[in-house]
Amino acid sequence: MKTPFKIELALQRISGAVQPYPKAALFELYDEGYRTPFELLLACLISVRTRDEVTLICARRLFEKVRTPQAVLQLTEDQIDALIRASTFHRAKARQFLVISAIAVNQYQGEIPCDYSMLTSLKGVGPKCANLVLGIACGESKISVDIHVHRVTNRWGYVHTTSPEKTMLSLEKILPKKYWVEINRLLVPFGKHICTGLLPKCSTCPVLEMCAQVGVAKHR
């Protein structure tokens, strides 16, 4: 028999369990001093279909050269592409960075505003990246749901959804607001290293007695 799921206790335990593992990329970059909405937006776009380890390499290389929309516009598409080439779809992302930088300079005094509608109006920017930027750079209470947050919360039985977008909407209804940003920070490393997609490490999971283990056929 499982005990009732208590999200406060679960996240407290997970916070300790993920200490040995690398932070999610955008939280790591924030801690390194890359804290503007513009910087974290570009970093999030780099991360699309790209592993965190590669995202960090590309973002750091880019930010060693440019950290503002004005500076990005001094580079050519080829120069940006060379800096982020290790990421997936790097040519399209380089082109996208120039478009976003031009919009920031021409319409928003050289900055990216903390505005969900504006962020999601940019080509290629979905709810996940918009909410990460607003939550980390802008200090707003926003839930960013990637594949790890989606998989883990459904595996717990905390939500019952079929897509990250639906998970975000469900979490907005039941997750205490003080955890809205925190859940991404914790569940990305938790989902990558403990509650993995295949063969999750249930034997060492700190929340096993609460987890419904939905869809888990085999585990370690």
C-alpha atoms as a PDB file:
ATOM      1  CA  MET A   1       0.000   0.000   0.000  1.00  0.00           C
ATOM      2  CA  LYS A   2       1.217   3.480  -0.904  1.00  0.00           C
ATOM      3  CA  THR A   3       0.987   6.383   1.501  1.00  0.00           C
ATOM      4  CA  PRO A   4      -0.865   9.539   0.394  1.00  0.00           C
ATOM      5  CA  PHE A   5       1.226  11.711  -1.896  1.00  0.00           C
ATOM      6  CA  LYS A   6       2.482  14.861  -0.186  1.00  0.00           C
ATOM      7  CA  ILE A   7       4.099  17.236  -2.630  1.00  0.00           C
ATOM      8  CA  GLU A   8       5.848  19.316   0.055  1.00  0.00           C
ATOM      9  CA  LEU A   9       7.551  16.235   1.496  1.00  0.00           C
ATOM     10  CA  ALA A  10       8.344  14.836  -1.943  1.00  0.00           C
ATOM     11  CA  LEU A  11      10.096  17.992  -3.123  1.00  0.00           C
ATOM     12  CA  GLN A  12      11.952  18.344   0.170  1.00  0.00           C
ATOM     13  CA  ARG A  13      13.347  14.835  -0.184  1.00  0.00           C
ATOM     14  CA  ILE A  14      14.141  15.272  -3.869  1.00  0.00           C
ATOM     15  CA  SER A  15      16.029  18.472  -3.121  1.00  0.00           C
ATOM     16  CA  GLY A  16      18.468  16.423  -1.090  1.00  0.00           C
ATOM     17  CA  ALA A  17      18.574  13.530  -3.533  1.00  0.00           C
ATOM     18  CA  VAL A  18      19.607  15.662  -6.536  1.00  0.00           C
ATOM     19  CA  GLN A  19      22.456  17.475  -4.772  1.00  0.00           C
ATOM     20  CA  PRO A  20      25.163  15.245  -6.319  1.00  0.00           C
ATOM     21  CA  TYR A  21      23.906  15.841  -9.858  1.00  0.00           C
ATOM     22  CA  PRO A  22      24.370  18.778 -12.254  1.00  0.00           C
ATOM     23  CA  LYS A  23      21.718  21.484 -12.164  1.00  0.00           C
ATOM     24  CA  ALA A  24      19.308  22.024 -15.015  1.00  0.00           C
ATOM     25  CA  ALA A  25      21.068  24.162 -17.627  1.00  0.00           C
ATOM     26  CA  LEU A  26      19.214  27.461 -17.213  1.00  0.00           C
ATOM     27  CA  PHE A  27      19.458  27.376 -13.430  1.00  0.00           C
ATOM     28  CA  GLU A  28      23.191  26.703 -13.734  1.00  0.00           C
ATOM     29  CA  LEU A  29      23.636  29.623 -16.141  1.00  0.00           C
ATOM     30  CA  TYR A  30      21.680  31.895 -13.814  1.00  0.00           C
ATOM     31  CA  ASP A  31      23.976  30.949 -10.953  1.00  0.00           C
ATOM     32  CA  GLU A  32      26.957  31.739 -13.187  1.00  0.00           C
ATOM     33  CA  GLY A  33      25.686  35.296 -13.656  1.00  0.00           C
ATOM     34  CA  TYR A  34      23.710  35.047 -16.911  1.00  0.00           C
ATOM     35  CA  ARG A  35      20.508  36.486 -15.529  1.00  0.00           C
ATOM     36  CA  THR A  36      18.786  38.717 -18.069  1.00  0.00           C
ATOM     37  CA  PRO A  37      15.627  37.579 -19.870  1.00  0.00           C
ATOM     38  CA  PHE A  38      17.516  37.928 -23.160  1.00  0.00           C
ATOM     39  CA  GLU A  39      20.393  35.676 -22.089  1.00  0.00           C
ATOM     40  CA  LEU A  40      18.139  32.995 -20.628  1.00  0.00           C
ATOM     41  CA  LEU A  41      15.826  33.114 -23.630  1.00  0.00           C
ATOM     42  CA  LEU A  42      18.719  32.421 -26.000  1.00  0.00           C
ATOM     43  CA  ALA A  43      19.987  29.689 -23.695  1.00  0.00           C
ATOM     44  CA  CYS A  44      16.556  28.066 -23.598  1.00  0.00           C
ATOM     45  CA  LEU A  45      16.342  28.148 -27.387  1.00  0.00           C
ATOM     46  CA  ILE A  46      19.777  26.553 -27.612  1.00  0.00           C
ATOM     47  CA  SER A  47      18.489  23.801 -25.311  1.00  0.00           C
ATOM     48  CA  VAL A  48      15.689  22.786 -27.685  1.00  0.00           C
ATOM     49  CA  ARG A  49      16.400  19.182 -28.729  1.00  0.00           C
ATOM     50  CA  THR A  50      19.848  19.524 -27.171  1.00  0.00           C
ATOM     51  CA  ARG A  51      21.279  17.889 -24.060  1.00  0.00           C
ATOM     52  CA  ASP A  52      22.012  20.144 -21.086  1.00  0.00           C
ATOM     53  CA  GLU A  53      25.726  19.388 -21.264  1.00  0.00           C
ATOM     54  CA  VAL A  54      25.878  20.684 -24.832  1.00  0.00           C
ATOM     55  CA  THR A  55      23.539  23.577 -24.083  1.00  0.00           C
ATOM     56  CA  LEU A  56      25.919  24.830 -21.390  1.00  0.00           C
ATOM     57  CA  ILE A  57      28.933  24.638 -23.697  1.00  0.00           C
ATOM     58  CA  CYS A  58      27.160  26.514 -26.484  1.00  0.00           C
ATOM     59  CA  ALA A  59      25.608  29.144 -24.225  1.00  0.00           C
ATOM     60  CA  ARG A  60      28.878  29.893 -22.453  1.00  0.00           C
ATOM     61  CA  ARG A  61      30.710  30.173 -25.761  1.00  0.00           C
ATOM     62  CA  LEU A  62      28.045  32.529 -27.106  1.00  0.00           C
ATOM     63  CA  PHE A  63      27.969  34.689 -23.981  1.00  0.00           C
ATOM     64  CA  GLU A  64      31.745  35.029 -23.957  1.00  0.00           C
ATOM     65  CA  LYS A  65      31.261  37.004 -27.186  1.00  0.00           C
ATOM     66  CA  VAL A  66      27.867  38.672 -26.810  1.00  0.00           C
ATOM     67  CA  ARG A  67      25.383  39.199 -24.003  1.00  0.00           C
ATOM     68  CA  THR A  68      22.976  41.828 -25.357  1.00  0.00           C
ATOM     69  CA  PRO A  69      20.732  42.163 -28.412  1.00  0.00           C
ATOM     70  CA  GLN A  70      22.874  45.047 -29.628  1.00  0.00           C
ATOM     71  CA  ALA A  71      25.999  42.907 -29.495  1.00  0.00           C
ATOM     72  CA  VAL A  72      24.329  39.962 -31.250  1.00  0.00           C
ATOM     73  CA  LEU A  73      23.389  42.233 -34.137  1.00  0.00           C
ATOM     74  CA  GLN A  74      27.079  42.975 -34.657  1.00  0.00           C
ATOM     75  CA  LEU A  75      27.611  39.334 -35.600  1.00  0.00           C
ATOM     76  CA  THR A  76      26.729  37.567 -38.822  1.00  0.00           C
ATOM     77  CA  GLU A  77      24.545  34.492 -38.966  1.00  0.00           C
ATOM     78  CA  ASP A  78      27.651  32.438 -39.760  1.00  0.00           C
ATOM     79  CA  GLN A  79      29.476  33.764 -36.707  1.00  0.00           C
ATOM     80  CA  ILE A  80      26.574  32.946 -34.385  1.00  0.00           C
ATOM     81  CA  ASP A  81      26.196  29.546 -35.996  1.00  0.00           C
ATOM     82  CA  ALA A  82      29.855  28.755 -35.336  1.00  0.00           C
ATOM     83  CA  LEU A  83      29.408  29.537 -31.636  1.00  0.00           C
ATOM     84  CA  ILE A  84      26.398  27.252 -31.154  1.00  0.00           C
ATOM     85  CA  ARG A  85      27.170  24.619 -33.781  1.00  0.00           C
ATOM     86  CA  ALA A  86      27.174  21.749 -31.288  1.00  0.00           C
ATOM     87  CA  SER A  87      23.451  22.293 -30.649  1.00  0.00           C
ATOM     88  CA  THR A  88      20.672  20.790 -32.732  1.00  0.00           C
ATOM     89  CA  PHE A  89      19.221  22.976 -35.520  1.00  0.00           C
ATOM     90  CA  HIS A  90      22.064  25.462 -34.938  1.00  0.00           C
ATOM     91  CA  ARG A  91      21.642  27.293 -38.254  1.00  0.00           C
ATOM     92  CA  ALA A  92      17.960  27.975 -37.653  1.00  0.00           C
ATOM     93  CA  LYS A  93      18.718  29.072 -34.094  1.00  0.00           C
ATOM     94  CA  ALA A  94      21.429  31.481 -35.275  1.00  0.00           C
ATOM     95  CA  ARG A  95      18.939  33.050 -37.669  1.00  0.00           C
ATOM     96  CA  GLN A  96      16.338  33.168 -34.897  1.00  0.00           C
ATOM     97  CA  PHE A  97      18.754  34.969 -32.545  1.00  0.00           C
ATOM     98  CA  LEU A  98      19.216  37.755 -35.067  1.00  0.00           C
ATOM     99  CA  VAL A  99      15.456  38.182 -35.477  1.00  0.00           C
ATOM    100  CA  ILE A 100      14.866  38.240 -31.712  1.00  0.00           C
ATOM    101  CA  SER A 101      17.715  40.700 -31.193  1.00  0.00           C
ATOM    102  CA  ALA A 102      16.342  43.031 -33.857  1.00  0.00           C
ATOM    103  CA  ILE A 103      12.899  42.949 -32.250  1.00  0.00           C
ATOM    104  CA  ALA A 104      14.420  43.718 -28.842  1.00  0.00           C
ATOM    105  CA  VAL A 105      16.394  46.670 -30.211  1.00  0.00           C
ATOM    106  CA  ASN A 106      13.705  48.097 -32.470  1.00  0.00           C
ATOM    107  CA  GLN A 107      10.660  47.588 -30.268  1.00  0.00           C
ATOM    108  CA  TYR A 108      11.766  47.207 -26.641  1.00  0.00           C
ATOM    109  CA  GLN A 109      14.725  49.546 -26.063  1.00  0.00           C
ATOM    110  CA  GLY A 110      17.234  46.733 -26.428  1.00  0.00           C
ATOM    111  CA  GLU A 111      15.737  44.382 -23.862  1.00  0.00           C
ATOM    112  CA  ILE A 112      13.432  41.394 -23.739  1.00  0.00           C
ATOM    113  CA  PRO A 113      10.460  42.318 -21.512  1.00  0.00           C
ATOM    114  CA  CYS A 114       9.062  40.039 -18.836  1.00  0.00           C
ATOM    115  CA  ASP A 115       5.859  39.462 -20.741  1.00  0.00           C
ATOM    116  CA  TYR A 116       4.406  36.052 -21.571  1.00  0.00           C
ATOM    117  CA  SER A 117       2.437  37.215 -24.595  1.00  0.00           C
ATOM    118  CA  MET A 118       5.453  38.945 -26.087  1.00  0.00           C
ATOM    119  CA  LEU A 119       7.739  35.974 -25.486  1.00  0.00           C
ATOM    120  CA  THR A 120       5.358  33.442 -27.019  1.00  0.00           C
ATOM    121  CA  SER A 121       4.796  35.725 -29.997  1.00  0.00           C
ATOM    122  CA  LEU A 122       8.419  35.113 -30.972  1.00  0.00           C
ATOM    123  CA  LYS A 123       8.852  32.308 -33.473  1.00  0.00           C
ATOM    124  CA  GLY A 124      10.008  29.132 -31.787  1.00  0.00           C
ATOM    125  CA  VAL A 125       9.264  30.279 -28.234  1.00  0.00           C
ATOM    126  CA  GLY A 126       6.680  28.067 -26.557  1.00  0.00           C
ATOM    127  CA  PRO A 127       5.248  27.935 -23.034  1.00  0.00           C
ATOM    128  CA  LYS A 128       8.220  25.993 -21.641  1.00  0.00           C
ATOM    129  CA  CYS A 129      10.854  28.569 -22.603  1.00  0.00           C
ATOM    130  CA  ALA A 130       8.610  31.528 -21.869  1.00  0.00           C
ATOM    131  CA  ASN A 131       7.866  30.267 -18.363  1.00  0.00           C
ATOM    132  CA  LEU A 132      11.496  29.385 -17.665  1.00  0.00           C
ATOM    133  CA  VAL A 133      12.554  32.916 -18.577  1.00  0.00           C
ATOM    134  CA  LEU A 134       9.770  34.483 -16.523  1.00  0.00           C
ATOM    135  CA  GLY A 135      10.376  32.197 -13.569  1.00  0.00           C
ATOM    136  CA  ILE A 136      14.170  32.374 -13.429  1.00  0.00           C
ATOM    137  CA  ALA A 137      15.067  35.789 -14.869  1.00  0.00           C
ATOM    138  CA  CYS A 138      11.946  37.720 -13.902  1.00  0.00           C
ATOM    139  CA  GLY A 139      11.094  36.121 -10.570  1.00  0.00           C
ATOM    140  CA  GLU A 140       7.529  35.360 -11.579  1.00  0.00           C
ATOM    141  CA  SER A 141       5.588  32.315 -10.425  1.00  0.00           C
ATOM    142  CA  LYS A 142       5.503  30.212 -13.588  1.00  0.00           C
ATOM    143  CA  ILE A 143       5.538  26.461 -14.182  1.00  0.00           C
ATOM    144  CA  SER A 144       7.821  25.199 -16.931  1.00  0.00           C
ATOM    145  CA  VAL A 145       7.066  21.633 -17.963  1.00  0.00           C
ATOM    146  CA  ASP A 146       9.559  19.642 -19.975  1.00  0.00           C
ATOM    147  CA  ILE A 147       9.575  15.910 -20.598  1.00  0.00           C
ATOM    148  CA  HIS A 148      11.023  15.190 -17.147  1.00  0.00           C
ATOM    149  CA  VAL A 149       8.435  17.198 -15.198  1.00  0.00           C
ATOM    150  CA  HIS A 150       5.696  15.690 -17.350  1.00  0.00           C
ATOM    151  CA  ARG A 151       6.885  12.099 -16.926  1.00  0.00           C
ATOM    152  CA  VAL A 152       7.663  12.254 -13.213  1.00  0.00           C
ATOM    153  CA  THR A 153       4.477  13.968 -12.063  1.00  0.00           C
ATOM    154  CA  ASN A 154       2.367  11.532 -14.086  1.00  0.00           C
ATOM    155  CA  ARG A 155       4.386   8.568 -12.795  1.00  0.00           C
ATOM    156  CA  TRP A 156       3.689   9.739  -9.262  1.00  0.00           C
ATOM    157  CA  GLY A 157      -0.013   9.854 -10.051  1.00  0.00           C
ATOM    158  CA  TYR A 158       0.006  13.496  -8.990  1.00  0.00           C
ATOM    159  CA  VAL A 159      -1.449  14.462 -12.376  1.00  0.00           C
ATOM    160  CA  HIS A 160      -3.027  12.375 -15.117  1.00  0.00           C
ATOM    161  CA  THR A 161      -2.259  13.966 -18.470  1.00  0.00           C
ATOM    162  CA  THR A 162      -1.049  13.088 -21.962  1.00  0.00           C
ATOM    163  CA  SER A 163       1.233  16.004 -22.851  1.00  0.00           C
ATOM    164  CA  PRO A 164       3.552  18.558 -21.206  1.00  0.00           C
ATOM    165  CA  GLU A 165       1.094  21.323 -22.076  1.00  0.00           C
ATOM    166  CA  LYS A 166      -1.739  19.538 -20.278  1.00  0.00           C
ATOM    167  CA  THR A 167       0.554  18.758 -17.349  1.00  0.00           C
ATOM    168  CA  MET A 168       1.320  22.472 -17.006  1.00  0.00           C
ATOM    169  CA  LEU A 169      -2.390  23.303 -16.842  1.00  0.00           C
ATOM    170  CA  SER A 170      -3.041  20.560 -14.296  1.00  0.00           C
ATOM    171  CA  LEU A 171      -0.127  21.606 -12.100  1.00  0.00           C
ATOM    172  CA  GLU A 172      -1.335  25.201 -12.133  1.00  0.00           C
ATOM    173  CA  LYS A 173      -4.530  23.963 -10.469  1.00  0.00           C
ATOM    174  CA  ILE A 174      -3.036  21.774  -7.721  1.00  0.00           C
ATOM    175  CA  LEU A 175       0.622  22.663  -7.132  1.00  0.00           C
ATOM    176  CA  PRO A 176       1.219  25.243  -4.367  1.00  0.00           C
ATOM    177  CA  LYS A 177       2.450  28.410  -6.026  1.00  0.00           C
ATOM    178  CA  LYS A 178       5.657  28.546  -3.999  1.00  0.00           C
ATOM    179  CA  TYR A 179       6.822  25.447  -5.916  1.00  0.00           C
ATOM    180  CA  TRP A 180       5.974  26.635  -9.436  1.00  0.00           C
ATOM    181  CA  VAL A 181       9.554  27.499 -10.391  1.00  0.00           C
ATOM    182  CA  GLU A 182      11.119  25.001  -8.020  1.00  0.00           C
ATOM    183  CA  ILE A 183       9.468  21.973  -9.585  1.00  0.00           C
ATOM    184  CA  ASN A 184      11.427  22.375 -12.812  1.00  0.00           C
ATOM    185  CA  ARG A 185      14.697  23.007 -10.971  1.00  0.00           C
ATOM    186  CA  LEU A 186      14.260  19.791  -8.995  1.00  0.00           C
ATOM    187  CA  LEU A 187      12.551  17.406 -11.387  1.00  0.00           C
ATOM    188  CA  VAL A 188      14.911  17.914 -14.333  1.00  0.00           C
ATOM    189  CA  PRO A 189      17.921  16.390 -12.530  1.00  0.00           C
ATOM    190  CA  PHE A 190      15.624  13.967 -10.688  1.00  0.00           C
ATOM    191  CA  GLY A 191      14.145  12.773 -13.974  1.00  0.00           C
ATOM    192  CA  LYS A 192      17.522  12.550 -15.682  1.00  0.00           C
ATOM    193  CA  HIS A 193      19.363  10.634 -12.980  1.00  0.00           C
ATOM    194  CA  ILE A 194      16.877   8.885 -10.653  1.00  0.00           C
ATOM    195  CA  CYS A 195      13.334   8.720 -12.039  1.00  0.00           C
ATOM    196  CA  THR A 196      14.607   7.951 -15.534  1.00  0.00           C
ATOM    197  CA  GLY A 197      12.468   7.175 -18.533  1.00  0.00           C
ATOM    198  CA  LEU A 198      13.690   3.586 -18.779  1.00  0.00           C
ATOM    199  CA  LEU A 199      14.457   1.491 -15.708  1.00  0.00           C
ATOM    200  CA  PRO A 200      13.936   4.179 -13.062  1.00  0.00           C
ATOM    201  CA  LYS A 201      15.945   3.734  -9.868  1.00  0.00           C
ATOM    202  CA  CYS A 202      12.940   2.943  -7.705  1.00  0.00           C
ATOM    203  CA  SER A 203      15.055   1.033  -5.167  1.00  0.00           C
ATOM    204  CA  THR A 204      16.817   4.241  -4.143  1.00  0.00           C
ATOM    205  CA  CYS A 205      13.994   6.719  -4.796  1.00  0.00           C
ATOM    206  CA  PRO A 206      13.295   9.007  -1.822  1.00  0.00           C
ATOM    207  CA  VAL A 207       9.564   9.138  -2.572  1.00  0.00           C
ATOM    208  CA  LEU A 208       8.915   5.480  -3.449  1.00  0.00           C
ATOM    209  CA  GLU A 209       6.368   4.903  -0.690  1.00  0.00           C
ATOM    210  CA  MET A 210       4.236   7.763  -2.100  1.00  0.00           C
ATOM    211  CA  CYS A 211       4.758   7.103  -5.815  1.00  0.00           C
ATOM    212  CA  ALA A 212       2.018   5.256  -7.693  1.00  0.00           C
ATOM    213  CA  GLN A 213       4.660   4.084 -10.228  1.00  0.00           C
ATOM    214  CA  VAL A 214       2.212   4.621 -13.068  1.00  0.00           C
ATOM    215  CA  GLY A 215       3.458   2.885 -16.195  1.00  0.00           C
ATOM    216  CA  VAL A 216       6.551   1.412 -14.547  1.00  0.00           C
ATOM    217  CA  ALA A 217       6.940  -2.172 -15.742  1.00  0.00           C
ATOM    218  CA  LYS A 218      10.600  -2.638 -14.852  1.00  0.00           C
ATOM    219  CA  HIS A 219      12.880  -0.702 -12.558  1.00  0.00           C
ATOM    220  CA  ARG A 220      16.222  -0.820 -10.787  1.00  0.00           C
END
